[in-house]
C-alpha atoms as a PDB file:
ATOM      1  CA  MET A   1     239.088 221.571 -93.146  1.00  0.00           C
ATOM      2  CA  ILE A   2     235.776 219.735 -92.110  1.00  0.00           C
ATOM      3  CA  LYS A   3     234.453 217.212 -94.235  1.00  0.00           C
ATOM      4  CA  ASP A   4     230.839 217.356 -94.717  1.00  0.00           C
ATOM      5  CA  ILE A   5     228.579 214.379 -93.775  1.00  0.00           C
ATOM      6  CA  GLU A   6     226.689 213.416 -96.885  1.00  0.00           C
ATOM      7  CA  GLU A   7     223.025 214.964 -97.371  1.00  0.00           C
ATOM      8  CA  GLY A   8     220.483 212.143 -97.121  1.00  0.00           C
ATOM      9  CA  SER A   9     222.605 210.539 -95.276  1.00  0.00           C
ATOM     10  CA  LYS A  10     221.533 208.184 -92.579  1.00  0.00           C
ATOM     11  CA  LYS A  11     223.730 210.064 -89.777  1.00  0.00           C
ATOM     12  CA  ALA A  12     222.637 213.586 -91.598  1.00  0.00           C
ATOM     13  CA  LEU A  13     219.046 213.000 -91.417  1.00  0.00           C
ATOM     14  CA  GLN A  14     219.310 211.821 -87.490  1.00  0.00           C
ATOM     15  CA  ILE A  15     221.015 215.468 -87.020  1.00  0.00           C
ATOM     16  CA  ALA A  16     218.654 217.589 -88.886  1.00  0.00           C
ATOM     17  CA  ASN A  17     215.787 215.853 -87.189  1.00  0.00           C
ATOM     18  CA  ILE A  18     217.707 216.730 -83.647  1.00  0.00           C
ATOM     19  CA  CYS A  19     217.592 219.862 -85.011  1.00  0.00           C
ATOM     20  CA  TYR A  20     214.770 220.345 -85.933  1.00  0.00           C
ATOM     21  CA  ALA A  21     213.192 218.865 -82.911  1.00  0.00           C
ATOM     22  CA  ASN A  22     214.973 221.574 -80.942  1.00  0.00           C
ATOM     23  CA  VAL A  23     214.706 224.644 -83.192  1.00  0.00           C
ATOM     24  CA  SER A  24     211.224 224.471 -83.364  1.00  0.00           C
ATOM     25  CA  ALA A  25     210.379 223.867 -80.012  1.00  0.00           C
ATOM     26  CA  LEU A  26     212.747 226.704 -79.240  1.00  0.00           C
ATOM     27  CA  PHE A  27     210.524 228.827 -81.563  1.00  0.00           C
ATOM     28  CA  ALA A  28     207.307 227.870 -80.259  1.00  0.00           C
ATOM     29  CA  MET A  29     207.888 229.117 -77.098  1.00  0.00           C
ATOM     30  CA  PHE A  30     209.201 232.507 -78.257  1.00  0.00           C
ATOM     31  CA  THR A  31     206.480 233.595 -80.200  1.00  0.00           C
ATOM     32  CA  ASN A  32     204.805 234.000 -77.004  1.00  0.00           C
ATOM     33  CA  PRO A  33     206.210 237.394 -75.909  1.00  0.00           C
ATOM     34  CA  LYS A  34     205.775 235.941 -72.103  1.00  0.00           C
ATOM     35  CA  TYR A  35     208.888 234.243 -72.616  1.00  0.00           C
ATOM     36  CA  ARG A  36     211.219 237.028 -74.423  1.00  0.00           C
ATOM     37  CA  GLY A  37     213.283 239.320 -72.350  1.00  0.00           C
ATOM     38  CA  PRO A  38     213.614 242.650 -73.263  1.00  0.00           C
ATOM     39  CA  ASN A  39     216.793 242.382 -75.266  1.00  0.00           C
ATOM     40  CA  PHE A  40     215.393 239.604 -76.693  1.00  0.00           C
ATOM     41  CA  THR A  41     215.661 239.470 -80.728  1.00  0.00           C
ATOM     42  CA  TRP A  42     214.790 237.269 -83.562  1.00  0.00           C
ATOM     43  CA  ASP A  43     218.890 237.302 -84.793  1.00  0.00           C
ATOM     44  CA  TRP A  44     219.482 236.889 -81.369  1.00  0.00           C
ATOM     45  CA  PHE A  45     216.612 233.225 -81.595  1.00  0.00           C
ATOM     46  CA  ILE A  46     219.239 232.171 -84.561  1.00  0.00           C
ATOM     47  CA  GLU A  47     222.522 232.797 -82.908  1.00  0.00           C
ATOM     48  CA  HIS A  48     221.015 230.807 -79.806  1.00  0.00           C
ATOM     49  CA  CYS A  49     220.308 228.072 -82.018  1.00  0.00           C
ATOM     50  CA  GLU A  50     223.045 227.649 -83.529  1.00  0.00           C
ATOM     51  CA  GLU A  51     225.619 228.016 -80.867  1.00  0.00           C
ATOM     52  CA  ASN A  52     223.713 225.448 -78.895  1.00  0.00           C
ATOM     53  CA  ALA A  53     223.383 223.161 -81.524  1.00  0.00           C
ATOM     54  CA  ASP A  54     226.298 221.060 -80.258  1.00  0.00           C
ATOM     55  CA  GLN A  55     224.842 220.635 -77.338  1.00  0.00           C
ATOM     56  CA  TRP A  56     222.092 218.828 -78.857  1.00  0.00           C
ATOM     57  CA  MET A  57     223.963 216.185 -80.366  1.00  0.00           C
ATOM     58  CA  PHE A  58     225.856 215.703 -76.872  1.00  0.00           C
ATOM     59  CA  VAL A  59     222.479 214.836 -75.060  1.00  0.00           C
ATOM     60  CA  ASN A  60     221.365 213.131 -78.119  1.00  0.00           C
ATOM     61  CA  ALA A  61     224.458 210.831 -78.147  1.00  0.00           C
ATOM     62  CA  VAL A  62     225.190 211.249 -81.609  1.00  0.00           C
ATOM     63  CA  LYS A  63     227.938 208.798 -82.358  1.00  0.00           C
ATOM     64  CA  GLY A  64     231.126 210.217 -85.311  1.00  0.00           C
ATOM     65  CA  ASN A  65     233.417 212.759 -85.499  1.00  0.00           C
ATOM     66  CA  ARG A  66     232.795 215.350 -82.876  1.00  0.00           C
ATOM     67  CA  VAL A  67     233.762 218.576 -85.078  1.00  0.00           C
ATOM     68  CA  THR A  68     232.073 216.456 -87.993  1.00  0.00           C
ATOM     69  CA  VAL A  69     228.899 216.358 -86.628  1.00  0.00           C
ATOM     70  CA  ASN A  70     228.625 219.740 -84.486  1.00  0.00           C
ATOM     71  CA  ALA A  71     229.775 221.279 -87.745  1.00  0.00           C
ATOM     72  CA  GLN A  72     227.031 219.623 -89.694  1.00  0.00           C
ATOM     73  CA  ALA A  73     224.266 220.754 -86.462  1.00  0.00           C
ATOM     74  CA  LYS A  74     225.354 224.125 -86.522  1.00  0.00           C
ATOM     75  CA  ARG A  75     224.768 224.439 -90.286  1.00  0.00           C
ATOM     76  CA  TYR A  76     221.309 223.096 -90.058  1.00  0.00           C
ATOM     77  CA  ALA A  77     220.056 224.940 -86.557  1.00  0.00           C
ATOM     78  CA  ARG A  78     221.406 228.046 -87.955  1.00  0.00           C
ATOM     79  CA  GLU A  79     219.492 227.164 -92.019  1.00  0.00           C
ATOM     80  CA  ILE A  80     216.467 225.948 -89.787  1.00  0.00           C
ATOM     81  CA  ALA A  81     216.067 229.073 -87.337  1.00  0.00           C
ATOM     82  CA  GLU A  82     216.544 231.632 -90.133  1.00  0.00           C
ATOM     83  CA  ARG A  83     213.623 230.008 -92.152  1.00  0.00           C
ATOM     84  CA  LEU A  84     210.955 229.457 -89.072  1.00  0.00           C
ATOM     85  CA  VAL A  85     211.822 233.450 -88.561  1.00  0.00           C
ATOM     86  CA  HIS A  86     211.236 234.068 -92.592  1.00  0.00           C
ATOM     87  CA  ARG A  87     208.180 232.458 -92.984  1.00  0.00           C
ATOM     88  CA  ALA A  88     206.840 234.430 -89.196  1.00  0.00           C
ATOM     89  CA  SER A  89     207.763 237.742 -90.521  1.00  0.00           C
ATOM     90  CA  GLU A  90     205.958 237.370 -94.483  1.00  0.00           C
END
């Protein structure tokens, strides 16, 4: 079982900030239809963000147990992407 990083800890905030920056940048880009392909869906966007979260952790050199950090990043990325897509569709 993967141990969670304590919510509100410095590490959790670092991971959340990186995820928020990347997900919101992608969301802003994809709100412009010019950047969407013919097969684009917002469900794909959510999956794409979750799948790329571990790469964001690597690029930003987040220290810690790689499995734990990546799992937390994937959860945060999915949650943020789902929230943005939901609010945009209201």
